């Protein structure tokens, strides 16, 4: 998988995980566009380094809602409701 493809996959996984957790990622990150863009980029890069993106995709595909991110999620601490 090429770098751009991996980044695109990671961006989708981050957005999909936030959606399954009912976390308003856009609202949380983009109150301040510059800081939000930096944080979103950091989340994507963190996800890119994950060793189980296939498992994550499967989990997301099999669940409309999740109560928490899986333990292996490198962004789990950022994707908490509340």
PDB file of N, CA and C in Angstrom:
ATOM      1  N   UNK A   1       0.854  -1.173   0.000  1.00  0.00           N
ATOM      2  CA  UNK A   1       0.000   0.000   0.000  1.00  0.00           C
ATOM      3  C   UNK A   1       0.897   1.232   0.000  1.00  0.00           C
ATOM      4  N   UNK A   2       0.633   2.153  -0.904  1.00  0.00           N
ATOM      5  CA  UNK A   2       1.410   3.375  -0.982  1.00  0.00           C
ATOM      6  C   UNK A   2       1.080   4.333   0.156  1.00  0.00           C
ATOM      7  N   UNK A   3       1.931   5.312   0.351  1.00  0.00           N
ATOM      8  CA  UNK A   3       1.777   6.260   1.444  1.00  0.00           C
ATOM      9  C   UNK A   3       0.458   7.025   1.362  1.00  0.00           C
ATOM     10  N   UNK A   4       0.118   7.543   0.192  1.00  0.00           N
ATOM     11  CA  UNK A   4      -1.122   8.311   0.070  1.00  0.00           C
ATOM     12  C   UNK A   4      -2.346   7.444   0.321  1.00  0.00           C
ATOM     13  N   UNK A   5      -2.300   6.228  -0.136  1.00  0.00           N
ATOM     14  CA  UNK A   5      -3.397   5.297   0.113  1.00  0.00           C
ATOM     15  C   UNK A   5      -3.524   4.994   1.605  1.00  0.00           C
ATOM     16  N   UNK A   6      -2.398   4.797   2.272  1.00  0.00           N
ATOM     17  CA  UNK A   6      -2.377   4.523   3.710  1.00  0.00           C
ATOM     18  C   UNK A   6      -2.929   5.720   4.491  1.00  0.00           C
ATOM     19  N   UNK A   7      -2.561   6.927   4.091  1.00  0.00           N
ATOM     20  CA  UNK A   7      -3.073   8.127   4.742  1.00  0.00           C
ATOM     21  C   UNK A   7      -4.578   8.267   4.532  1.00  0.00           C
ATOM     22  N   UNK A   8      -5.039   7.982   3.323  1.00  0.00           N
ATOM     23  CA  UNK A   8      -6.469   8.051   3.025  1.00  0.00           C
ATOM     24  C   UNK A   8      -7.239   7.021   3.849  1.00  0.00           C
ATOM     25  N   UNK A   9      -6.717   5.807   3.924  1.00  0.00           N
ATOM     26  CA  UNK A   9      -7.336   4.755   4.728  1.00  0.00           C
ATOM     27  C   UNK A   9      -7.403   5.184   6.193  1.00  0.00           C
ATOM     28  N   UNK A  10      -6.327   5.745   6.694  1.00  0.00           N
ATOM     29  CA  UNK A  10      -6.269   6.169   8.091  1.00  0.00           C
ATOM     30  C   UNK A  10      -7.255   7.297   8.373  1.00  0.00           C
ATOM     31  N   UNK A  11      -7.361   8.255   7.463  1.00  0.00           N
ATOM     32  CA  UNK A  11      -8.314   9.358   7.643  1.00  0.00           C
ATOM     33  C   UNK A  11      -9.744   8.814   7.712  1.00  0.00           C
ATOM     34  N   UNK A  12     -10.043   7.861   6.862  1.00  0.00           N
ATOM     35  CA  UNK A  12     -11.374   7.248   6.865  1.00  0.00           C
ATOM     36  C   UNK A  12     -11.621   6.482   8.154  1.00  0.00           C
ATOM     37  N   UNK A  13     -10.630   5.734   8.619  1.00  0.00           N
ATOM     38  CA  UNK A  13     -10.786   4.985   9.865  1.00  0.00           C
ATOM     39  C   UNK A  13     -11.018   5.919  11.051  1.00  0.00           C
ATOM     40  N   UNK A  14     -10.272   7.006  11.120  1.00  0.00           N
ATOM     41  CA  UNK A  14     -10.449   7.970  12.214  1.00  0.00           C
ATOM     42  C   UNK A  14     -11.858   8.541  12.192  1.00  0.00           C
ATOM     43  N   UNK A  15     -12.315   8.956  11.023  1.00  0.00           N
ATOM     44  CA  UNK A  15     -13.652   9.531  10.907  1.00  0.00           C
ATOM     45  C   UNK A  15     -14.728   8.498  11.215  1.00  0.00           C
ATOM     46  N   UNK A  16     -14.559   7.284  10.721  1.00  0.00           N
ATOM     47  CA  UNK A  16     -15.546   6.234  10.966  1.00  0.00           C
ATOM     48  C   UNK A  16     -15.581   5.829  12.436  1.00  0.00           C
ATOM     49  N   UNK A  17     -14.424   5.753  13.080  1.00  0.00           N
ATOM     50  CA  UNK A  17     -14.384   5.409  14.501  1.00  0.00           C
ATOM     51  C   UNK A  17     -15.092   6.492  15.313  1.00  0.00           C
ATOM     52  N   UNK A  18     -14.833   7.734  15.005  1.00  0.00           N
ATOM     53  CA  UNK A  18     -15.511   8.833  15.706  1.00  0.00           C
ATOM     54  C   UNK A  18     -17.019   8.725  15.514  1.00  0.00           C
ATOM     55  N   UNK A  19     -17.449   8.405  14.317  1.00  0.00           N
ATOM     56  CA  UNK A  19     -18.880   8.258  14.046  1.00  0.00           C
ATOM     57  C   UNK A  19     -19.509   7.127  14.845  1.00  0.00           C
ATOM     58  N   UNK A  20     -18.825   5.985  14.910  1.00  0.00           N
ATOM     59  CA  UNK A  20     -19.356   4.843  15.661  1.00  0.00           C
ATOM     60  C   UNK A  20     -19.429   5.140  17.158  1.00  0.00           C
ATOM     61  N   UNK A  21     -18.537   6.008  17.623  1.00  0.00           N
ATOM     62  CA  UNK A  21     -18.500   6.368  19.038  1.00  0.00           C
ATOM     63  C   UNK A  21     -19.383   7.577  19.343  1.00  0.00           C
ATOM     64  N   UNK A  22     -20.031   8.108  18.309  1.00  0.00           N
ATOM     65  CA  UNK A  22     -20.889   9.285  18.438  1.00  0.00           C
ATOM     66  C   UNK A  22     -20.110  10.485  18.974  1.00  0.00           C
ATOM     67  N   UNK A  23     -18.886  10.632  18.476  1.00  0.00           N
ATOM     68  CA  UNK A  23     -18.031  11.759  18.840  1.00  0.00           C
ATOM     69  C   UNK A  23     -18.078  12.763  17.690  1.00  0.00           C
ATOM     70  N   UNK A  24     -18.390  13.998  18.007  1.00  0.00           N
ATOM     71  CA  UNK A  24     -18.436  15.067  17.002  1.00  0.00           C
ATOM     72  C   UNK A  24     -17.019  15.544  16.724  1.00  0.00           C
ATOM     73  N   UNK A  25     -16.335  14.817  15.881  1.00  0.00           N
ATOM     74  CA  UNK A  25     -14.936  15.104  15.583  1.00  0.00           C
ATOM     75  C   UNK A  25     -14.775  16.486  14.961  1.00  0.00           C
ATOM     76  N   UNK A  26     -15.616  16.813  14.024  1.00  0.00           N
ATOM     77  CA  UNK A  26     -15.513  18.122  13.372  1.00  0.00           C
ATOM     78  C   UNK A  26     -15.754  19.243  14.360  1.00  0.00           C
ATOM     79  N   UNK A  27     -16.765  19.101  15.192  1.00  0.00           N
ATOM     80  CA  UNK A  27     -17.056  20.128  16.184  1.00  0.00           C
ATOM     81  C   UNK A  27     -15.932  20.281  17.182  1.00  0.00           C
ATOM     82  N   UNK A  28     -15.366  19.166  17.604  1.00  0.00           N
ATOM     83  CA  UNK A  28     -14.300  19.197  18.605  1.00  0.00           C
ATOM     84  C   UNK A  28     -13.001  19.752  18.036  1.00  0.00           C
ATOM     85  N   UNK A  29     -12.678  19.379  16.811  1.00  0.00           N
ATOM     86  CA  UNK A  29     -11.382  19.757  16.249  1.00  0.00           C
ATOM     87  C   UNK A  29     -11.379  21.102  15.538  1.00  0.00           C
ATOM     88  N   UNK A  30     -12.504  21.488  14.983  1.00  0.00           N
ATOM     89  CA  UNK A  30     -12.453  22.633  14.089  1.00  0.00           C
ATOM     90  C   UNK A  30     -13.102  23.900  14.638  1.00  0.00           C
ATOM     91  N   UNK A  31     -13.182  23.989  15.964  1.00  0.00           N
ATOM     92  CA  UNK A  31     -13.561  25.272  16.552  1.00  0.00           C
ATOM     93  C   UNK A  31     -12.474  26.299  16.222  1.00  0.00           C
ATOM     94  N   UNK A  32     -11.245  25.832  16.260  1.00  0.00           N
ATOM     95  CA  UNK A  32     -10.082  26.627  15.846  1.00  0.00           C
ATOM     96  C   UNK A  32      -9.462  25.852  14.678  1.00  0.00           C
ATOM     97  N   UNK A  33      -9.656  26.336  13.482  1.00  0.00           N
ATOM     98  CA  UNK A  33      -9.295  25.595  12.272  1.00  0.00           C
ATOM     99  C   UNK A  33      -7.815  25.203  12.254  1.00  0.00           C
ATOM    100  N   UNK A  34      -6.933  26.114  12.594  1.00  0.00           N
ATOM    101  CA  UNK A  34      -5.503  25.809  12.526  1.00  0.00           C
ATOM    102  C   UNK A  34      -5.125  24.709  13.518  1.00  0.00           C
ATOM    103  N   UNK A  35      -5.557  24.839  14.744  1.00  0.00           N
ATOM    104  CA  UNK A  35      -5.250  23.831  15.753  1.00  0.00           C
ATOM    105  C   UNK A  35      -5.950  22.518  15.423  1.00  0.00           C
ATOM    106  N   UNK A  36      -7.191  22.600  14.977  1.00  0.00           N
ATOM    107  CA  UNK A  36      -7.954  21.403  14.628  1.00  0.00           C
ATOM    108  C   UNK A  36      -7.326  20.628  13.490  1.00  0.00           C
ATOM    109  N   UNK A  37      -6.837  21.338  12.494  1.00  0.00           N
ATOM    110  CA  UNK A  37      -6.185  20.670  11.362  1.00  0.00           C
ATOM    111  C   UNK A  37      -4.927  19.950  11.831  1.00  0.00           C
ATOM    112  N   UNK A  38      -4.174  20.577  12.714  1.00  0.00           N
ATOM    113  CA  UNK A  38      -2.974  19.951  13.269  1.00  0.00           C
ATOM    114  C   UNK A  38      -3.340  18.697  14.054  1.00  0.00           C
ATOM    115  N   UNK A  39      -4.376  18.777  14.885  1.00  0.00           N
ATOM    116  CA  UNK A  39      -4.805  17.628  15.687  1.00  0.00           C
ATOM    117  C   UNK A  39      -5.318  16.498  14.800  1.00  0.00           C
ATOM    118  N   UNK A  40      -6.096  16.832  13.786  1.00  0.00           N
ATOM    119  CA  UNK A  40      -6.622  15.811  12.880  1.00  0.00           C
ATOM    120  C   UNK A  40      -5.475  15.127  12.139  1.00  0.00           C
ATOM    121  N   UNK A  41      -4.513  15.904  11.685  1.00  0.00           N
ATOM    122  CA  UNK A  41      -3.331  15.336  11.018  1.00  0.00           C
ATOM    123  C   UNK A  41      -2.599  14.388  11.959  1.00  0.00           C
ATOM    124  N   UNK A  42      -2.454  14.789  13.208  1.00  0.00           N
ATOM    125  CA  UNK A  42      -1.790  13.941  14.201  1.00  0.00           C
ATOM    126  C   UNK A  42      -2.547  12.639  14.414  1.00  0.00           C
ATOM    127  N   UNK A  43      -3.868  12.706  14.442  1.00  0.00           N
ATOM    128  CA  UNK A  43      -4.683  11.495  14.605  1.00  0.00           C
ATOM    129  C   UNK A  43      -4.510  10.570  13.406  1.00  0.00           C
ATOM    130  N   UNK A  44      -4.483  11.135  12.216  1.00  0.00           N
ATOM    131  CA  UNK A  44      -4.310  10.327  11.008  1.00  0.00           C
ATOM    132  C   UNK A  44      -2.936   9.651  11.017  1.00  0.00           C
ATOM    133  N   UNK A  45      -1.895  10.399  11.351  1.00  0.00           N
ATOM    134  CA  UNK A  45      -0.557   9.821  11.387  1.00  0.00           C
ATOM    135  C   UNK A  45      -0.441   8.744  12.452  1.00  0.00           C
ATOM    136  N   UNK A  46      -1.080   8.950  13.573  1.00  0.00           N
ATOM    137  CA  UNK A  46      -1.079   7.938  14.628  1.00  0.00           C
ATOM    138  C   UNK A  46      -1.770   6.675  14.140  1.00  0.00           C
ATOM    139  N   UNK A  47      -2.899   6.830  13.489  1.00  0.00           N
ATOM    140  CA  UNK A  47      -3.640   5.686  12.943  1.00  0.00           C
ATOM    141  C   UNK A  47      -2.810   4.972  11.879  1.00  0.00           C
ATOM    142  N   UNK A  48      -2.069   5.721  11.096  1.00  0.00           N
ATOM    143  CA  UNK A  48      -1.238   5.134  10.049  1.00  0.00           C
ATOM    144  C   UNK A  48      -0.226   4.154  10.634  1.00  0.00           C
ATOM    145  N   UNK A  49       0.223   4.417  11.859  1.00  0.00           N
ATOM    146  CA  UNK A  49       1.206   3.553  12.510  1.00  0.00           C
ATOM    147  C   UNK A  49       0.575   2.335  13.189  1.00  0.00           C
ATOM    148  N   UNK A  50      -0.737   2.221  13.149  1.00  0.00           N
ATOM    149  CA  UNK A  50      -1.428   1.092  13.779  1.00  0.00           C
ATOM    150  C   UNK A  50      -1.108  -0.212  13.046  1.00  0.00           C
ATOM    151  N   UNK A  51      -0.942  -1.264  13.827  1.00  0.00           N
ATOM    152  CA  UNK A  51      -0.634  -2.565  13.229  1.00  0.00           C
ATOM    153  C   UNK A  51      -1.880  -3.390  12.929  1.00  0.00           C
ATOM    154  N   UNK A  52      -3.074  -2.873  13.267  1.00  0.00           N
ATOM    155  CA  UNK A  52      -4.289  -3.660  13.052  1.00  0.00           C
ATOM    156  C   UNK A  52      -5.385  -2.857  12.349  1.00  0.00           C
ATOM    157  N   UNK A  53      -5.028  -2.169  11.288  1.00  0.00           N
ATOM    158  CA  UNK A  53      -6.036  -1.420  10.542  1.00  0.00           C
ATOM    159  C   UNK A  53      -7.083  -2.334   9.920  1.00  0.00           C
ATOM    160  N   UNK A  54      -6.692  -3.526   9.510  1.00  0.00           N
ATOM    161  CA  UNK A  54      -7.663  -4.461   8.943  1.00  0.00           C
ATOM    162  C   UNK A  54      -8.689  -4.871   9.999  1.00  0.00           C
ATOM    163  N   UNK A  55      -8.229  -5.143  11.219  1.00  0.00           N
ATOM    164  CA  UNK A  55      -9.137  -5.489  12.308  1.00  0.00           C
ATOM    165  C   UNK A  55     -10.048  -4.335  12.654  1.00  0.00           C
ATOM    166  N   UNK A  56      -9.519  -3.131  12.616  1.00  0.00           N
ATOM    167  CA  UNK A  56     -10.312  -1.940  12.883  1.00  0.00           C
ATOM    168  C   UNK A  56     -11.404  -1.784  11.830  1.00  0.00           C
ATOM    169  N   UNK A  57     -11.031  -1.936  10.564  1.00  0.00           N
ATOM    170  CA  UNK A  57     -12.012  -1.811   9.483  1.00  0.00           C
ATOM    171  C   UNK A  57     -13.126  -2.846   9.643  1.00  0.00           C
ATOM    172  N   UNK A  58     -12.733  -4.074  10.015  1.00  0.00           N
ATOM    173  CA  UNK A  58     -13.714  -5.137  10.222  1.00  0.00           C
ATOM    174  C   UNK A  58     -14.643  -4.783  11.383  1.00  0.00           C
ATOM    175  N   UNK A  59     -14.079  -4.307  12.482  1.00  0.00           N
ATOM    176  CA  UNK A  59     -14.882  -3.902  13.636  1.00  0.00           C
ATOM    177  C   UNK A  59     -15.869  -2.805  13.252  1.00  0.00           C
ATOM    178  N   UNK A  60     -15.406  -1.822  12.517  1.00  0.00           N
ATOM    179  CA  UNK A  60     -16.273  -0.721  12.102  1.00  0.00           C
ATOM    180  C   UNK A  60     -17.357  -1.192  11.138  1.00  0.00           C
ATOM    181  N   UNK A  61     -17.003  -2.090  10.233  1.00  0.00           N
ATOM    182  CA  UNK A  61     -17.977  -2.603   9.269  1.00  0.00           C
ATOM    183  C   UNK A  61     -19.061  -3.450   9.938  1.00  0.00           C
ATOM    184  N   UNK A  62     -18.719  -4.080  11.050  1.00  0.00           N
ATOM    185  CA  UNK A  62     -19.661  -4.971  11.735  1.00  0.00           C
ATOM    186  C   UNK A  62     -20.496  -4.276  12.806  1.00  0.00           C
ATOM    187  N   UNK A  63     -20.207  -3.009  13.095  1.00  0.00           N
ATOM    188  CA  UNK A  63     -20.906  -2.309  14.177  1.00  0.00           C
ATOM    189  C   UNK A  63     -21.343  -0.917  13.753  1.00  0.00           C
ATOM    190  N   UNK A  64     -22.621  -0.629  13.975  1.00  0.00           N
ATOM    191  CA  UNK A  64     -23.128   0.714  13.707  1.00  0.00           C
ATOM    192  C   UNK A  64     -22.758   1.681  14.819  1.00  0.00           C
ATOM    193  N   UNK A  65     -22.638   1.163  16.034  1.00  0.00           N
ATOM    194  CA  UNK A  65     -22.288   1.965  17.214  1.00  0.00           C
ATOM    195  C   UNK A  65     -21.285   1.196  18.058  1.00  0.00           C
ATOM    196  N   UNK A  66     -20.433   1.926  18.734  1.00  0.00           N
ATOM    197  CA  UNK A  66     -19.488   1.341  19.683  1.00  0.00           C
ATOM    198  C   UNK A  66     -19.539   2.154  20.973  1.00  0.00           C
ATOM    199  N   UNK A  67     -19.327   1.485  22.099  1.00  0.00           N
ATOM    200  CA  UNK A  67     -19.289   2.181  23.389  1.00  0.00           C
ATOM    201  C   UNK A  67     -17.920   2.784  23.658  1.00  0.00           C
ATOM    202  N   UNK A  68     -16.885   2.180  23.114  1.00  0.00           N
ATOM    203  CA  UNK A  68     -15.518   2.655  23.314  1.00  0.00           C
ATOM    204  C   UNK A  68     -14.657   2.167  22.159  1.00  0.00           C
ATOM    205  N   UNK A  69     -13.580   2.879  21.942  1.00  0.00           N
ATOM    206  CA  UNK A  69     -12.614   2.441  20.935  1.00  0.00           C
ATOM    207  C   UNK A  69     -11.929   1.176  21.445  1.00  0.00           C
ATOM    208  N   UNK A  70     -11.492   0.307  20.550  1.00  0.00           N
ATOM    209  CA  UNK A  70     -10.770  -0.882  20.999  1.00  0.00           C
ATOM    210  C   UNK A  70      -9.470  -0.483  21.691  1.00  0.00           C
ATOM    211  N   UNK A  71      -8.986  -1.353  22.551  1.00  0.00           N
ATOM    212  CA  UNK A  71      -7.785  -1.035  23.326  1.00  0.00           C
ATOM    213  C   UNK A  71      -6.581  -0.728  22.448  1.00  0.00           C
ATOM    214  N   UNK A  72      -6.510  -1.347  21.282  1.00  0.00           N
ATOM    215  CA  UNK A  72      -5.360  -1.117  20.411  1.00  0.00           C
ATOM    216  C   UNK A  72      -5.419   0.216  19.664  1.00  0.00           C
ATOM    217  N   UNK A  73      -6.552   0.917  19.756  1.00  0.00           N
ATOM    218  CA  UNK A  73      -6.711   2.172  19.009  1.00  0.00           C
ATOM    219  C   UNK A  73      -5.755   3.231  19.543  1.00  0.00           C
ATOM    220  N   UNK A  74      -4.912   3.708  18.669  1.00  0.00           N
ATOM    221  CA  UNK A  74      -3.901   4.698  19.050  1.00  0.00           C
ATOM    222  C   UNK A  74      -4.512   6.074  19.303  1.00  0.00           C
ATOM    223  N   UNK A  75      -5.785   6.254  18.939  1.00  0.00           N
ATOM    224  CA  UNK A  75      -6.488   7.511  19.179  1.00  0.00           C
ATOM    225  C   UNK A  75      -7.622   7.351  20.193  1.00  0.00           C
ATOM    226  N   UNK A  76      -7.701   6.198  20.811  1.00  0.00           N
ATOM    227  CA  UNK A  76      -8.793   5.921  21.740  1.00  0.00           C
ATOM    228  C   UNK A  76      -8.930   6.962  22.832  1.00  0.00           C
ATOM    229  N   UNK A  77      -7.814   7.437  23.347  1.00  0.00           N
ATOM    230  CA  UNK A  77      -7.850   8.444  24.412  1.00  0.00           C
ATOM    231  C   UNK A  77      -8.422   9.778  23.936  1.00  0.00           C
ATOM    232  N   UNK A  78      -8.401  10.025  22.646  1.00  0.00           N
ATOM    233  CA  UNK A  78      -8.940  11.260  22.083  1.00  0.00           C
ATOM    234  C   UNK A  78     -10.388  11.120  21.642  1.00  0.00           C
ATOM    235  N   UNK A  79     -10.840   9.880  21.511  1.00  0.00           N
ATOM    236  CA  UNK A  79     -12.180   9.621  20.989  1.00  0.00           C
ATOM    237  C   UNK A  79     -13.144   9.191  22.074  1.00  0.00           C
ATOM    238  N   UNK A  80     -13.133   9.911  23.150  1.00  0.00           N
ATOM    239  CA  UNK A  80     -14.054   9.637  24.248  1.00  0.00           C
ATOM    240  C   UNK A  80     -15.174  10.645  24.225  1.00  0.00           C
ATOM    241  N   UNK A  81     -16.370  10.170  24.512  1.00  0.00           N
ATOM    242  CA  UNK A  81     -17.519  11.080  24.561  1.00  0.00           C
ATOM    243  C   UNK A  81     -17.449  11.916  25.825  1.00  0.00           C
ATOM    244  N   UNK A  82     -18.059  13.093  25.719  1.00  0.00           N
ATOM    245  CA  UNK A  82     -18.189  13.913  26.918  1.00  0.00           C
ATOM    246  C   UNK A  82     -17.257  15.005  26.998  1.00  0.00           C
TER     247      UNK A  82
END
